[in-house]
Amino acid sequence: MTDVIIIGAGVTGCAIARELARFRCTVKVLERAHDVCEGTSKANSGIAHAGFDAVPGTWKARMNVEGSRLMEALSEELDFSYRRNGSLVLCFAEEDSKELEKLRRQGEENGVEGLRILGQKELRELEPGISRQAVAALYAPTGAIVCPFGLTIALAENAAENGVEFHLQTQVEEIQKIQGGYRLATSQGIFEGRVVVNAAGVYADRFHNMVSRTKLHITPRKGEYCLMDKRVGNLVNHTIFQLPTAYGKGVLVTPTVHGNLLAGPTARNMEDKEAVNTTREGIEEVLQKAAASVEEFPARWIITSFAGLRAAEAGGDFVLGEVKDAPGFFDAAGIASPGLTAAPAIGRYLAGLAGAYLGAGKRADFVSVRRGIPNMEQASMQERCRLIGENPLYANVVCRCEMVTEGEIVNAIHRPLGATTVDGIKRRTRAGMGRCQAGFCAPRVVEILARELQKDPCEIRKQEPGSEFLVD
């Protein structure tokens, strides 16, 4: 029997797995998709929120602020992209300025540092491209941006390097309480664990409700986004919010850590837990609201759009901890925004609870450092020459838009939890994320995957089964 089984390999599940790897216990992660980071974790704003908008005393407030404080050091330890760029919450009417003051006081109560209100003059000095209609803003210098898939993959790889087993394409179908733990019936057979951690995103209510008489209800909340070309990535330097509503922080405009410009998300409650399609209405809403935040919003430079689903629990807060009537079953449910920011803190908290439940001590041989894939675009000339000298494949450019080389792609395939699909390569190296959106490099990526995995090219997929590029 495994000590801990984690359901879900998104950013929350991977953060918990990495923290549990510090303990002397066996850990398995079950993920229904073919790769880690296939749900909400790959389709979000990529923001490390400061923590001013969470209600004081809630799990969201506590985990947001703690996660924000942990993120920079974690990015250095695990080698993923992160930048503290600060954030601004815009106010468009003098009578609403009291709401900014409310957010400031709330943030200070949560422990957010450096918050202050800016008048119109100071705001425009800080962000010249901001809307002329904005009369004031809340400035949060601790706000940051992060690569969401870079973070998730880094956590997963480090967990795997420390002995955590990942079982992909393994869908949990039923959970039963048994003597000394739980039995999980899956698409890949039976797994038994002394402890189960439920980090299943929009499906977390389903698994919670299999073991508890106290029911959870999670509503998928769709958020649609537009991503702009790097040519307009410096339109703003900070993450630009508008005053939040009951549905969240609203449509933001932000630079990304990779130099693009991002706008979104919308917030629409759905019935379908798989409704990740984009819509004309959603994209129009993003563009309209983004144009209210910045002057001359560059809609003509959109290179792609996408949608993700946030797990909105009926109580409005994260659901964390051991289920009262299911000993040894721990929830990490309702992890909507600021879930990405909170993930490092949630990982520590739930791993600590599970470790204490098992009576497991800490390992002395835990390896906390992970090195990412070399980035030839950002590398110095000296570093490029060194890499090419060690492996000539680093001289072969495959993705022109992002200057991704064959060496980087091969590295991504042969790492722990290596890429097996074109989208897996994209999230690990950015091949296909540029202006042409894989129009140039996709055939070559398929060829490299087939060669390195020793597969027929007709077996190589974009993502899930049925998304093959070639038909024999």
Protein backbone atom coordinates (compact mmCIF):
# COMPACT_ATOMS: atom_id res chain seq x y z
CA MET A 1 0.00 0.00 0.00
CA THR A 2 1.30 3.43 -0.97
CA ASP A 3 1.61 5.97 1.83
CA VAL A 4 0.10 8.91 -0.11
CA ILE A 5 -1.87 9.06 -3.34
CA ILE A 6 -2.43 12.49 -4.87
CA ILE A 7 -5.24 12.94 -7.38
CA GLY A 8 -4.31 15.57 -9.95
CA ALA A 9 -1.04 16.79 -11.48
CA GLY A 10 -1.83 20.47 -11.83
CA VAL A 11 0.17 23.10 -9.99
CA THR A 12 -1.49 22.31 -6.64
CA GLY A 13 -1.01 18.55 -6.88
CA CYS A 14 2.59 18.95 -8.05
CA ALA A 15 3.37 21.42 -5.25
CA ILE A 16 2.00 18.97 -2.69
CA ALA A 17 3.95 16.11 -4.28
CA ARG A 18 7.20 18.07 -4.18
CA GLU A 19 6.72 18.95 -0.50
CA LEU A 20 5.74 15.38 0.40
CA ALA A 21 8.97 14.20 -1.23
CA ARG A 22 10.74 15.79 1.77
CA PHE A 23 9.19 13.10 4.00
CA ARG A 24 10.12 9.44 4.42
CA CYS A 25 7.05 8.11 2.67
CA THR A 26 5.99 6.72 -0.70
CA VAL A 27 3.99 9.04 -2.96
CA LYS A 28 2.08 8.44 -6.18
CA VAL A 29 0.34 11.07 -8.31
CA LEU A 30 -2.60 9.95 -10.49
CA GLU A 31 -3.42 12.19 -13.46
CA ARG A 32 -6.08 11.46 -16.07
CA ALA A 33 -4.33 13.50 -18.80
CA HIS A 34 -1.28 12.43 -20.80
CA ASP A 35 0.96 15.07 -19.18
CA VAL A 36 1.22 17.22 -16.09
CA CYS A 37 -0.18 20.77 -16.28
CA GLU A 38 -3.08 19.92 -18.58
CA GLY A 39 -5.95 21.71 -16.82
CA THR A 40 -6.36 25.15 -15.27
CA SER A 41 -2.62 25.28 -14.56
CA LYS A 42 -1.82 25.72 -18.25
CA ALA A 43 -4.57 28.27 -19.01
CA ASN A 44 -4.49 31.16 -16.56
CA SER A 45 -3.13 34.68 -16.14
CA GLY A 46 0.36 33.70 -14.94
CA ILE A 47 0.11 36.21 -12.08
CA ALA A 48 1.70 35.92 -8.64
CA HIS A 49 -0.89 38.05 -6.85
CA ALA A 50 0.15 40.33 -3.99
CA GLY A 51 -2.86 39.31 -1.85
CA PHE A 52 -4.81 42.52 -1.26
CA ASP A 53 -8.18 41.38 -2.60
CA ALA A 54 -8.66 38.20 -0.53
CA VAL A 55 -10.96 38.55 2.48
CA PRO A 56 -8.87 38.65 5.67
CA GLY A 57 -8.96 35.44 7.66
CA THR A 58 -9.74 33.20 4.68
CA TRP A 59 -7.59 30.42 3.30
CA LYS A 60 -7.23 32.49 0.13
CA ALA A 61 -5.74 35.41 2.07
CA ARG A 62 -3.35 33.29 4.09
CA MET A 63 -2.13 31.09 1.25
CA ASN A 64 -1.94 33.92 -1.29
CA VAL A 65 0.36 36.08 0.82
CA GLU A 66 2.53 33.18 1.94
CA GLY A 67 2.76 31.83 -1.62
CA SER A 68 3.71 35.26 -2.93
CA ARG A 69 6.55 35.44 -0.41
CA LEU A 70 7.81 31.98 -1.33
CA MET A 71 7.65 32.34 -5.12
CA GLU A 72 10.84 34.27 -5.90
CA ALA A 73 13.13 31.98 -3.91
CA LEU A 74 11.33 28.97 -5.38
CA SER A 75 11.92 30.28 -8.92
CA GLU A 76 15.67 30.41 -8.22
CA GLU A 77 15.67 26.97 -6.63
CA LEU A 78 13.67 25.29 -9.42
CA ASP A 79 14.77 27.49 -12.34
CA PHE A 80 11.48 28.76 -13.79
CA SER A 81 10.62 32.23 -15.12
CA TYR A 82 9.44 34.81 -12.57
CA ARG A 83 9.55 38.61 -12.42
CA ARG A 84 8.31 41.00 -9.74
CA ASN A 85 6.77 43.73 -11.90
CA GLY A 86 4.17 45.13 -9.45
CA SER A 87 0.45 45.55 -10.06
CA LEU A 88 -2.05 48.41 -10.34
CA VAL A 89 -5.79 48.37 -9.66
CA LEU A 90 -7.47 51.15 -11.63
CA CYS A 91 -10.34 53.33 -10.46
CA PHE A 92 -12.30 55.27 -13.11
CA ALA A 93 -14.53 57.48 -10.92
CA GLU A 94 -13.72 59.62 -7.89
CA GLU A 95 -16.64 58.15 -5.95
CA ASP A 96 -15.08 54.67 -6.31
CA SER A 97 -11.77 55.73 -4.75
CA LYS A 98 -13.06 54.55 -1.40
CA GLU A 99 -13.00 51.01 -2.83
CA LEU A 100 -9.28 51.37 -3.49
CA GLU A 101 -8.79 52.45 0.10
CA LYS A 102 -10.80 49.44 1.24
CA LEU A 103 -8.54 47.14 -0.81
CA ARG A 104 -5.46 48.81 0.66
CA ARG A 105 -6.63 48.32 4.25
CA GLN A 106 -7.65 44.76 3.45
CA GLY A 107 -4.26 44.02 1.93
CA GLU A 108 -2.42 45.46 4.90
CA GLU A 109 -4.52 43.30 7.21
CA ASN A 110 -3.49 40.30 5.11
CA GLY A 111 0.17 41.27 5.51
CA VAL A 112 0.83 42.67 2.02
CA GLU A 113 3.71 45.13 2.10
CA GLY A 114 4.18 48.45 0.31
CA LEU A 115 0.59 49.16 -0.75
CA ARG A 116 -0.28 52.76 -1.58
CA ILE A 117 -2.82 54.81 -3.50
CA LEU A 118 -1.59 56.72 -6.55
CA GLY A 119 -3.24 59.82 -7.96
CA GLN A 120 -3.68 60.35 -11.69
CA LYS A 121 -0.40 62.22 -12.18
CA GLU A 122 1.76 59.67 -10.41
CA LEU A 123 -0.12 56.82 -12.08
CA ARG A 124 0.57 58.17 -15.57
CA GLU A 125 4.22 58.75 -14.72
CA LEU A 126 4.46 55.11 -13.71
CA GLU A 127 2.46 53.81 -16.70
CA PRO A 128 2.28 56.35 -19.58
CA GLY A 129 0.02 54.10 -21.65
CA ILE A 130 -2.69 53.85 -19.00
CA SER A 131 -6.26 54.96 -19.80
CA ARG A 132 -6.83 58.68 -19.48
CA GLN A 133 -10.11 57.83 -17.75
CA ALA A 134 -8.29 56.31 -14.77
CA VAL A 135 -8.33 58.76 -11.85
CA ALA A 136 -6.45 56.71 -9.24
CA ALA A 137 -4.95 53.29 -8.61
CA LEU A 138 -3.84 50.96 -5.85
CA TYR A 139 -0.16 50.11 -6.32
CA ALA A 140 1.13 46.74 -5.06
CA PRO A 141 4.90 46.47 -5.57
CA THR A 142 4.98 42.79 -4.51
CA GLY A 143 2.77 41.69 -7.42
CA ALA A 144 4.63 39.54 -9.95
CA ILE A 145 4.35 37.48 -13.11
CA VAL A 146 5.36 33.84 -13.52
CA CYS A 147 5.35 31.12 -16.18
CA PRO A 148 2.47 28.86 -15.03
CA PHE A 149 3.51 25.76 -16.94
CA GLY A 150 7.16 26.40 -16.13
CA LEU A 151 6.28 26.44 -12.43
CA THR A 152 4.11 23.31 -12.62
CA ILE A 153 6.60 21.28 -14.67
CA ALA A 154 9.47 22.34 -12.40
CA LEU A 155 7.58 21.18 -9.31
CA ALA A 156 6.70 17.87 -10.98
CA GLU A 157 10.22 17.19 -12.22
CA ASN A 158 11.74 17.93 -8.83
CA ALA A 159 9.18 15.68 -7.15
CA ALA A 160 9.96 12.87 -9.62
CA GLU A 161 13.71 13.30 -9.10
CA ASN A 162 13.05 12.78 -5.38
CA GLY A 163 11.16 9.53 -5.88
CA VAL A 164 7.52 10.54 -6.43
CA GLU A 165 5.81 8.27 -9.00
CA PHE A 166 3.59 9.91 -11.62
CA HIS A 167 0.92 7.76 -13.26
CA LEU A 168 -0.36 9.65 -16.30
CA GLN A 169 -3.45 8.71 -18.33
CA THR A 170 -4.82 7.26 -15.10
CA GLN A 171 -8.36 8.41 -14.44
CA VAL A 172 -9.79 7.83 -10.97
CA GLU A 173 -13.27 6.32 -11.27
CA GLU A 174 -14.19 5.28 -7.74
CA ILE A 175 -12.86 5.68 -4.20
CA GLN A 176 -13.70 3.33 -1.33
CA LYS A 177 -12.68 3.43 2.32
CA ILE A 178 -10.84 0.24 3.32
CA GLN A 179 -9.01 -0.94 6.41
CA GLY A 180 -6.02 1.34 6.89
CA GLY A 181 -6.69 3.63 3.95
CA TYR A 182 -8.48 3.96 0.61
CA ARG A 183 -8.86 1.90 -2.56
CA LEU A 184 -8.97 3.83 -5.83
CA ALA A 185 -10.34 2.15 -8.93
CA THR A 186 -8.80 3.77 -12.01
CA SER A 187 -8.61 3.33 -15.76
CA GLN A 188 -5.21 1.68 -15.13
CA GLY A 189 -6.21 -0.66 -12.32
CA ILE A 190 -6.43 -0.51 -8.53
CA PHE A 191 -4.32 1.74 -6.31
CA GLU A 192 -4.39 1.64 -2.51
CA GLY A 193 -3.11 4.36 -0.23
CA ARG A 194 -3.02 5.12 3.49
CA VAL A 195 -3.65 8.79 2.66
CA VAL A 196 -5.39 10.41 -0.30
CA VAL A 197 -4.92 14.07 -1.26
CA ASN A 198 -7.63 15.39 -3.53
CA ALA A 199 -6.20 18.07 -5.85
CA ALA A 200 -8.43 17.36 -8.83
CA GLY A 201 -9.37 20.90 -9.86
CA VAL A 202 -12.90 21.22 -11.21
CA TYR A 203 -13.48 17.53 -10.40
CA ALA A 204 -12.42 17.78 -6.74
CA ASP A 205 -16.05 17.85 -5.58
CA ARG A 206 -16.72 14.53 -7.30
CA PHE A 207 -13.99 12.73 -5.34
CA HIS A 208 -14.75 14.49 -2.05
CA ASN A 209 -18.40 13.46 -2.37
CA MET A 210 -17.41 9.79 -2.81
CA VAL A 211 -16.06 9.63 0.75
CA SER A 212 -17.95 12.30 2.72
CA ARG A 213 -21.55 12.90 3.75
CA THR A 214 -20.86 16.66 3.71
CA LYS A 215 -21.01 17.53 0.04
CA LEU A 216 -18.99 20.02 -1.97
CA HIS A 217 -20.14 21.75 -5.14
CA ILE A 218 -17.65 23.20 -7.59
CA THR A 219 -18.77 25.35 -10.52
CA PRO A 220 -16.42 25.58 -13.51
CA ARG A 221 -15.88 29.29 -14.20
CA LYS A 222 -14.64 29.90 -17.71
CA GLY A 223 -12.04 32.58 -18.35
CA GLU A 224 -11.12 33.54 -21.93
CA TYR A 225 -7.86 35.28 -22.87
CA CYS A 226 -6.11 36.97 -25.78
CA LEU A 227 -2.34 36.77 -26.21
CA MET A 228 -0.52 39.44 -28.21
CA ASP A 229 2.75 39.30 -30.11
CA LYS A 230 6.03 40.28 -28.43
CA ARG A 231 6.13 43.38 -30.62
CA VAL A 232 3.62 44.98 -28.20
CA GLY A 233 4.80 43.21 -25.05
CA ASN A 234 6.10 46.44 -23.50
CA LEU A 235 2.80 48.33 -23.78
CA VAL A 236 2.61 48.15 -19.98
CA ASN A 237 5.23 47.23 -17.42
CA HIS A 238 2.90 46.42 -14.53
CA THR A 239 -0.07 44.08 -14.28
CA ILE A 240 -3.12 46.30 -14.77
CA PHE A 241 -6.37 45.34 -12.99
CA GLN A 242 -9.71 47.07 -12.69
CA LEU A 243 -11.69 47.12 -9.44
CA PRO A 244 -12.76 43.50 -8.75
CA THR A 245 -16.31 42.17 -8.82
CA ALA A 246 -18.04 39.20 -7.18
CA TYR A 247 -16.78 37.05 -10.08
CA GLY A 248 -13.11 37.83 -9.54
CA LYS A 249 -10.42 40.32 -10.40
CA GLY A 250 -11.84 41.12 -13.81
CA VAL A 251 -10.05 41.55 -17.12
CA LEU A 252 -6.38 42.39 -16.65
CA VAL A 253 -3.70 43.57 -19.05
CA THR A 254 -0.20 42.35 -18.28
CA PRO A 255 3.19 41.64 -19.75
CA THR A 256 4.23 38.00 -19.57
CA VAL A 257 7.58 36.69 -18.41
CA HIS A 258 8.30 35.73 -22.01
CA GLY A 259 7.72 39.22 -23.44
CA ASN A 260 4.17 38.96 -24.77
CA LEU A 261 1.11 40.98 -23.75
CA LEU A 262 -1.85 39.14 -22.22
CA ALA A 263 -5.45 40.28 -21.68
CA GLY A 264 -8.24 38.44 -19.83
CA PRO A 265 -9.98 36.62 -18.32
CA THR A 266 -13.73 36.74 -18.60
CA ALA A 267 -15.75 35.03 -15.85
CA ARG A 268 -18.70 32.90 -16.88
CA ASN A 269 -20.11 30.03 -14.83
CA MET A 270 -20.53 26.81 -16.80
CA GLU A 271 -22.19 23.43 -16.34
CA ASP A 272 -19.67 21.56 -18.47
CA LYS A 273 -16.39 20.79 -16.70
CA GLU A 274 -14.67 20.48 -20.09
CA ALA A 275 -15.91 23.77 -21.63
CA VAL A 276 -12.54 25.24 -22.62
CA ASN A 277 -13.63 26.51 -26.03
CA THR A 278 -13.28 30.20 -26.81
CA THR A 279 -16.27 32.23 -27.98
CA ARG A 280 -16.80 35.35 -30.05
CA GLU A 281 -18.65 36.97 -27.16
CA GLY A 282 -15.86 36.17 -24.71
CA ILE A 283 -13.10 37.56 -26.93
CA GLU A 284 -15.11 40.71 -27.63
CA GLU A 285 -15.57 41.22 -23.87
CA VAL A 286 -11.83 40.83 -23.26
CA LEU A 287 -10.97 43.36 -25.94
CA GLN A 288 -13.58 45.86 -24.80
CA LYS A 289 -12.52 45.76 -21.15
CA ALA A 290 -8.80 45.71 -21.93
CA ALA A 291 -9.25 48.84 -24.06
CA ALA A 292 -10.79 50.55 -21.01
CA SER A 293 -7.56 50.01 -19.06
CA VAL A 294 -4.96 51.12 -21.60
CA GLU A 295 -4.94 53.59 -24.45
CA GLU A 296 -4.72 52.21 -28.00
CA PHE A 297 -4.98 48.57 -26.99
CA PRO A 298 -3.22 46.61 -29.79
CA ALA A 299 -5.93 44.10 -30.72
CA ARG A 300 -4.50 43.70 -34.22
CA TRP A 301 -1.45 41.97 -32.72
CA ILE A 302 -3.37 39.02 -31.23
CA ILE A 303 -1.59 35.78 -32.10
CA THR A 304 -3.86 33.36 -30.22
CA SER A 305 -6.73 33.07 -27.77
CA PHE A 306 -7.46 30.40 -25.18
CA ALA A 307 -9.75 29.56 -22.27
CA GLY A 308 -9.37 27.92 -18.88
CA LEU A 309 -11.74 26.82 -16.11
CA ARG A 310 -11.42 27.97 -12.52
CA ALA A 311 -12.76 25.70 -9.77
CA ALA A 312 -15.22 27.99 -7.97
CA GLU A 313 -16.43 26.30 -4.77
CA ALA A 314 -19.84 27.38 -3.46
CA GLY A 315 -18.37 28.79 -0.23
CA GLY A 316 -16.07 31.12 -2.12
CA ASP A 317 -12.88 30.00 -0.38
CA PHE A 318 -10.26 27.30 -0.76
CA VAL A 319 -11.22 24.02 0.93
CA LEU A 320 -8.08 22.71 2.61
CA GLY A 321 -7.45 19.97 5.12
CA GLU A 322 -8.63 16.59 6.33
CA VAL A 323 -12.26 15.73 5.68
CA LYS A 324 -14.00 15.39 9.05
CA ASP A 325 -15.83 12.15 8.32
CA ALA A 326 -13.08 10.63 6.13
CA PRO A 327 -9.87 10.24 8.16
CA GLY A 328 -6.78 10.28 5.98
CA PHE A 329 -8.56 11.99 3.06
CA PHE A 330 -7.33 15.56 2.51
CA ASP A 331 -8.89 18.17 0.24
CA ALA A 332 -7.21 20.84 -1.83
CA ALA A 333 -10.47 21.88 -3.45
CA GLY A 334 -11.98 25.07 -4.83
CA ILE A 335 -8.53 26.28 -5.88
CA ALA A 336 -9.59 29.17 -8.08
CA SER A 337 -7.63 32.44 -8.24
CA PRO A 338 -5.18 33.06 -6.54
CA GLY A 339 -4.46 29.33 -6.73
CA LEU A 340 -1.31 29.62 -8.83
CA THR A 341 0.23 32.07 -6.34
CA ALA A 342 -0.93 30.02 -3.38
CA ALA A 343 0.36 26.66 -4.67
CA PRO A 344 3.74 26.69 -2.87
CA ALA A 345 2.02 27.51 0.44
CA ILE A 346 -0.76 24.96 -0.10
CA GLY A 347 1.89 22.38 -0.91
CA ARG A 348 3.69 23.00 2.38
CA TYR A 349 0.51 23.03 4.41
CA LEU A 350 -1.07 19.84 3.09
CA ALA A 351 2.20 17.94 2.92
CA GLY A 352 2.71 18.84 6.56
CA LEU A 353 -0.75 17.55 7.48
CA ALA A 354 -0.29 14.31 5.53
CA GLY A 355 3.21 13.77 6.91
CA ALA A 356 1.95 14.26 10.47
CA TYR A 357 -0.95 11.86 9.87
CA LEU A 358 1.51 9.20 8.73
CA GLY A 359 4.03 10.00 11.44
CA ALA A 360 6.66 10.35 8.72
CA GLY A 361 9.94 12.05 9.45
CA LYS A 362 11.90 14.29 7.09
CA ARG A 363 14.47 12.88 4.67
CA ALA A 364 18.09 14.00 4.85
CA ASP A 365 18.71 13.34 1.15
CA PHE A 366 15.98 15.54 -0.38
CA VAL A 367 17.34 17.40 -3.43
CA SER A 368 15.72 20.83 -3.56
CA VAL A 369 17.45 22.19 -6.66
CA ARG A 370 16.36 21.55 -10.24
CA ARG A 371 17.89 22.96 -13.41
CA GLY A 372 15.65 23.77 -16.34
CA ILE A 373 16.22 23.38 -20.08
CA PRO A 374 18.91 25.73 -21.43
CA ASN A 375 17.37 28.69 -23.25
CA MET A 376 19.40 29.51 -26.33
CA GLU A 377 17.45 32.70 -27.05
CA GLN A 378 18.39 34.22 -23.70
CA ALA A 379 21.82 32.63 -23.29
CA SER A 380 25.01 34.67 -23.63
CA MET A 381 27.24 34.04 -26.62
CA GLN A 382 29.72 32.28 -24.35
CA GLU A 383 26.99 29.99 -23.00
CA ARG A 384 25.70 29.27 -26.53
CA CYS A 385 29.18 28.29 -27.68
CA ARG A 386 29.61 26.02 -24.67
CA LEU A 387 26.29 24.25 -25.26
CA ILE A 388 26.92 23.80 -28.99
CA GLY A 389 30.39 22.46 -28.21
CA GLU A 390 28.85 19.85 -25.91
CA ASN A 391 25.94 19.05 -28.24
CA PRO A 392 25.78 20.37 -31.84
CA LEU A 393 21.97 19.99 -31.80
CA TYR A 394 21.87 23.30 -29.89
CA ALA A 395 22.97 24.99 -33.14
CA ASN A 396 19.91 23.80 -35.11
CA VAL A 397 17.07 26.33 -34.80
CA VAL A 398 13.68 24.62 -35.11
CA CYS A 399 11.29 27.37 -33.95
CA ARG A 400 12.22 30.66 -35.61
CA CYS A 401 9.75 32.82 -33.66
CA GLU A 402 11.11 31.82 -30.24
CA MET A 403 14.55 30.65 -31.42
CA VAL A 404 14.15 27.18 -29.93
CA THR A 405 16.77 24.67 -30.99
CA GLU A 406 16.76 20.94 -31.59
CA GLY A 407 18.96 20.50 -28.54
CA GLU A 408 16.31 22.10 -26.31
CA ILE A 409 13.58 19.90 -27.77
CA VAL A 410 15.59 16.72 -27.29
CA ASN A 411 16.36 17.82 -23.73
CA ALA A 412 12.62 18.28 -23.09
CA ILE A 413 11.88 14.76 -24.32
CA HIS A 414 14.47 13.00 -22.16
CA ARG A 415 13.98 14.83 -18.87
CA PRO A 416 12.06 13.36 -15.91
CA LEU A 417 8.40 13.31 -17.03
CA GLY A 418 9.62 14.22 -20.50
CA ALA A 419 7.41 15.54 -23.28
CA THR A 420 5.65 13.02 -25.52
CA THR A 421 3.40 15.40 -27.48
CA VAL A 422 3.78 18.59 -29.50
CA ASP A 423 2.00 20.58 -26.78
CA GLY A 424 4.31 19.01 -24.20
CA ILE A 425 7.27 20.34 -26.18
CA LYS A 426 5.57 23.72 -26.50
CA ARG A 427 5.07 24.16 -22.77
CA ARG A 428 8.63 23.06 -21.94
CA THR A 429 10.53 24.96 -24.65
CA ARG A 430 8.07 27.50 -26.18
CA ALA A 431 8.47 25.93 -29.64
CA GLY A 432 5.19 26.87 -31.33
CA MET A 433 4.27 29.71 -28.98
CA GLY A 434 5.47 32.51 -31.20
CA ARG A 435 3.88 34.65 -33.88
CA CYS A 436 3.25 31.83 -36.38
CA GLN A 437 1.79 29.55 -33.67
CA ALA A 438 3.71 26.45 -34.84
CA GLY A 439 2.96 27.04 -38.53
CA PHE A 440 6.65 26.66 -39.32
CA CYS A 441 8.05 24.35 -36.65
CA ALA A 442 5.30 21.77 -36.01
CA PRO A 443 6.38 19.30 -38.74
CA ARG A 444 9.95 19.35 -37.47
CA VAL A 445 8.83 18.90 -33.85
CA VAL A 446 6.73 15.88 -34.89
CA GLU A 447 9.76 14.44 -36.66
CA ILE A 448 12.02 14.91 -33.62
CA LEU A 449 9.47 13.41 -31.23
CA ALA A 450 9.03 10.35 -33.46
CA ARG A 451 12.79 9.86 -33.76
CA GLU A 452 13.57 10.30 -30.05
CA LEU A 453 10.60 8.25 -28.81
CA GLN A 454 11.16 5.61 -31.53
CA LYS A 455 7.59 5.91 -32.74
CA ASP A 456 5.88 6.09 -36.09
CA PRO A 457 5.24 9.79 -36.89
CA CYS A 458 1.54 8.91 -37.25
CA GLU A 459 1.51 8.17 -33.51
CA ILE A 460 2.66 11.66 -32.52
CA ARG A 461 -0.18 13.83 -31.22
CA LYS A 462 -0.79 17.46 -30.47
CA GLN A 463 -2.18 16.50 -27.06
CA GLU A 464 -4.86 13.90 -26.21
CA PRO A 465 -5.63 10.76 -28.30
CA GLY A 466 -7.38 11.80 -31.49
CA SER A 467 -5.16 14.84 -32.08
CA GLU A 468 -2.62 13.07 -34.31
CA PHE A 469 -1.09 15.22 -37.04
CA LEU A 470 -0.54 12.50 -39.63
CA VAL A 471 -2.69 9.64 -40.91
CA ASP A 472 -1.20 6.65 -42.70
